[in-house]
Amino acid sequence: MLQSQTLMKKIDRKAQNLEAQKVALENCIVKNEECKMIGTIKVANITNEKLVNVRVTFDEWKTFQDLPATYQTSPSKNYDNFFFKLEIPSIQAERIEFCISYHANGTEYWDSNNGINYSLIRHNNDCV
């Protein structure tokens, strides 16, 4: 099973800092039976053109992938929500790490969990 309890506690704190950092992971759920991670991201609505990505690694940042997030809703004029779905590959990685990038008006913003990134620990060879 992928453990994500600590992740959820950190997400709650990060959402409170959205005003300062402009992007925050809002929700993340691991569906072990489907080998998927799904989540939502909230960004400050500072321009109409936005690019939101989930940067993920399965090998401790030797390589990474940028997964585009999809616009979901606009709950208010100040914030937009984005959705992502990540297929968890059937590899022997013990840790999945990720962070969020938001590009707007030529500026790049990051939610990297205060520089330590978000991580999920794989147990019992789930999703393999």
Protein backbone atom coordinates (compact mmCIF):
# COMPACT_ATOMS: atom_id res chain seq x y z
CA MET A 1 0.00 0.00 0.00
CA LEU A 2 1.25 3.50 -0.74
CA GLN A 3 1.25 5.52 2.45
CA SER A 4 -0.08 9.06 2.17
CA GLN A 5 -1.33 10.08 5.63
CA THR A 6 1.61 12.40 6.25
CA LEU A 7 1.11 13.83 2.77
CA MET A 8 -2.48 14.82 3.57
CA LYS A 9 -1.44 16.68 6.74
CA LYS A 10 1.15 18.63 4.77
CA ILE A 11 -1.38 19.49 2.07
CA ASP A 12 -3.67 21.06 4.67
CA ARG A 13 -0.88 23.37 5.81
CA LYS A 14 0.21 24.23 2.27
CA ALA A 15 -3.26 25.30 1.19
CA GLN A 16 -3.13 27.98 3.87
CA ASN A 17 -0.05 29.47 2.19
CA LEU A 18 -1.57 29.72 -1.29
CA GLU A 19 -1.68 33.49 -1.23
CA ALA A 20 2.09 33.72 -0.78
CA GLN A 21 3.26 30.96 -3.13
CA LYS A 22 0.48 31.18 -5.79
CA VAL A 23 0.22 27.36 -6.16
CA ALA A 24 -0.66 24.56 -3.75
CA LEU A 25 -1.39 20.87 -3.91
CA GLU A 26 -4.93 20.74 -2.58
CA ASN A 27 -5.78 17.04 -2.57
CA CYS A 28 -4.08 13.77 -3.43
CA ILE A 29 -5.50 10.25 -3.36
CA VAL A 30 -3.76 6.99 -4.19
CA LYS A 31 -5.97 4.30 -5.72
CA ASN A 32 -3.91 1.16 -5.17
CA GLU A 33 -6.40 -1.12 -6.90
CA GLU A 34 -6.08 0.98 -10.09
CA CYS A 35 -2.40 1.90 -9.66
CA LYS A 36 -3.24 5.61 -9.97
CA MET A 37 -2.61 8.78 -8.05
CA ILE A 38 -5.14 11.56 -8.59
CA GLY A 39 -5.15 15.03 -7.16
CA THR A 40 -6.17 18.64 -7.38
CA ILE A 41 -4.05 21.76 -7.45
CA LYS A 42 -5.18 25.28 -6.63
CA VAL A 43 -3.49 28.28 -8.28
CA ALA A 44 -3.89 32.02 -7.95
CA ASN A 45 -5.75 33.47 -10.93
CA ILE A 46 -3.14 36.02 -11.96
CA THR A 47 -3.64 35.57 -15.72
CA ASN A 48 -5.86 33.69 -18.15
CA GLU A 49 -2.98 31.70 -19.66
CA LYS A 50 -1.63 29.16 -17.20
CA LEU A 51 0.53 26.06 -17.36
CA VAL A 52 0.36 23.73 -14.36
CA ASN A 53 2.50 20.57 -14.18
CA VAL A 54 3.18 17.79 -11.74
CA ARG A 55 6.88 16.93 -11.82
CA VAL A 56 7.35 13.32 -10.71
CA THR A 57 10.28 10.96 -10.26
CA PHE A 58 10.49 7.25 -9.57
CA ASP A 59 14.31 7.13 -9.24
CA GLU A 60 15.25 9.84 -6.72
CA TRP A 61 15.44 12.61 -9.35
CA LYS A 62 17.88 10.87 -11.69
CA THR A 63 15.07 11.34 -14.21
CA PHE A 64 11.69 13.00 -14.01
CA GLN A 65 8.52 13.57 -16.00
CA ASP A 66 6.34 16.67 -16.23
CA LEU A 67 2.68 15.70 -16.27
CA PRO A 68 0.35 18.52 -17.41
CA ALA A 69 -2.57 19.20 -15.09
CA THR A 70 -5.99 19.91 -16.61
CA TYR A 71 -8.13 22.94 -15.81
CA GLN A 72 -11.05 21.81 -13.68
CA THR A 73 -13.06 24.66 -12.18
CA SER A 74 -12.89 28.26 -11.17
CA PRO A 75 -14.32 28.34 -7.64
CA SER A 76 -13.81 32.10 -7.41
CA LYS A 77 -12.36 34.94 -9.41
CA ASN A 78 -9.16 34.69 -7.37
CA TYR A 79 -8.33 30.97 -7.77
CA ASP A 80 -8.49 28.17 -10.34
CA ASN A 81 -8.42 24.42 -9.77
CA PHE A 82 -6.50 21.90 -11.85
CA PHE A 83 -6.74 18.11 -11.86
CA PHE A 84 -4.09 15.46 -12.49
CA LYS A 85 -4.03 11.69 -12.81
CA LEU A 86 -0.78 9.76 -12.68
CA GLU A 87 -0.52 6.13 -13.71
CA ILE A 88 1.87 4.50 -11.25
CA PRO A 89 4.23 2.31 -13.28
CA SER A 90 4.92 -1.29 -12.34
CA ILE A 91 8.51 -0.71 -11.33
CA GLN A 92 10.30 -1.51 -8.12
CA ALA A 93 10.66 2.09 -6.95
CA GLU A 94 10.22 2.36 -3.21
CA ARG A 95 9.48 6.08 -3.25
CA ILE A 96 7.50 8.27 -5.60
CA GLU A 97 8.36 11.96 -5.26
CA PHE A 98 6.64 14.92 -6.86
CA CYS A 99 6.20 18.68 -6.79
CA ILE A 100 3.97 21.18 -8.59
CA SER A 101 4.95 23.95 -11.01
CA TYR A 102 2.80 26.85 -12.16
CA HIS A 103 3.82 29.13 -15.03
CA ALA A 104 2.00 32.45 -15.45
CA ASN A 105 2.98 35.84 -16.90
CA GLY A 106 6.53 34.62 -17.53
CA THR A 107 7.03 33.65 -13.89
CA GLU A 108 7.45 30.16 -12.49
CA TYR A 109 5.97 29.26 -9.09
CA TRP A 110 6.55 26.01 -7.20
CA ASP A 111 4.91 24.00 -4.49
CA SER A 112 7.74 21.69 -3.47
CA ASN A 113 6.53 21.11 0.09
CA ASN A 114 9.02 23.63 1.47
CA GLY A 115 11.85 22.18 -0.60
CA ILE A 116 11.49 18.54 0.45
CA ASN A 117 8.93 17.56 -2.22
CA TYR A 118 5.90 15.37 -1.67
CA SER A 119 6.61 11.67 -1.39
CA LEU A 120 4.74 8.40 -1.29
CA ILE A 121 6.32 5.22 0.03
CA ARG A 122 5.53 1.96 -1.71
CA HIS A 123 4.90 -1.06 0.53
CA ASN A 124 4.26 -4.71 -0.27
CA ASN A 125 4.91 -4.24 -4.01
CA ASP A 126 1.55 -2.58 -4.59
CA CYS A 127 0.73 -1.62 -8.17
CA VAL A 128 3.27 -4.09 -9.52
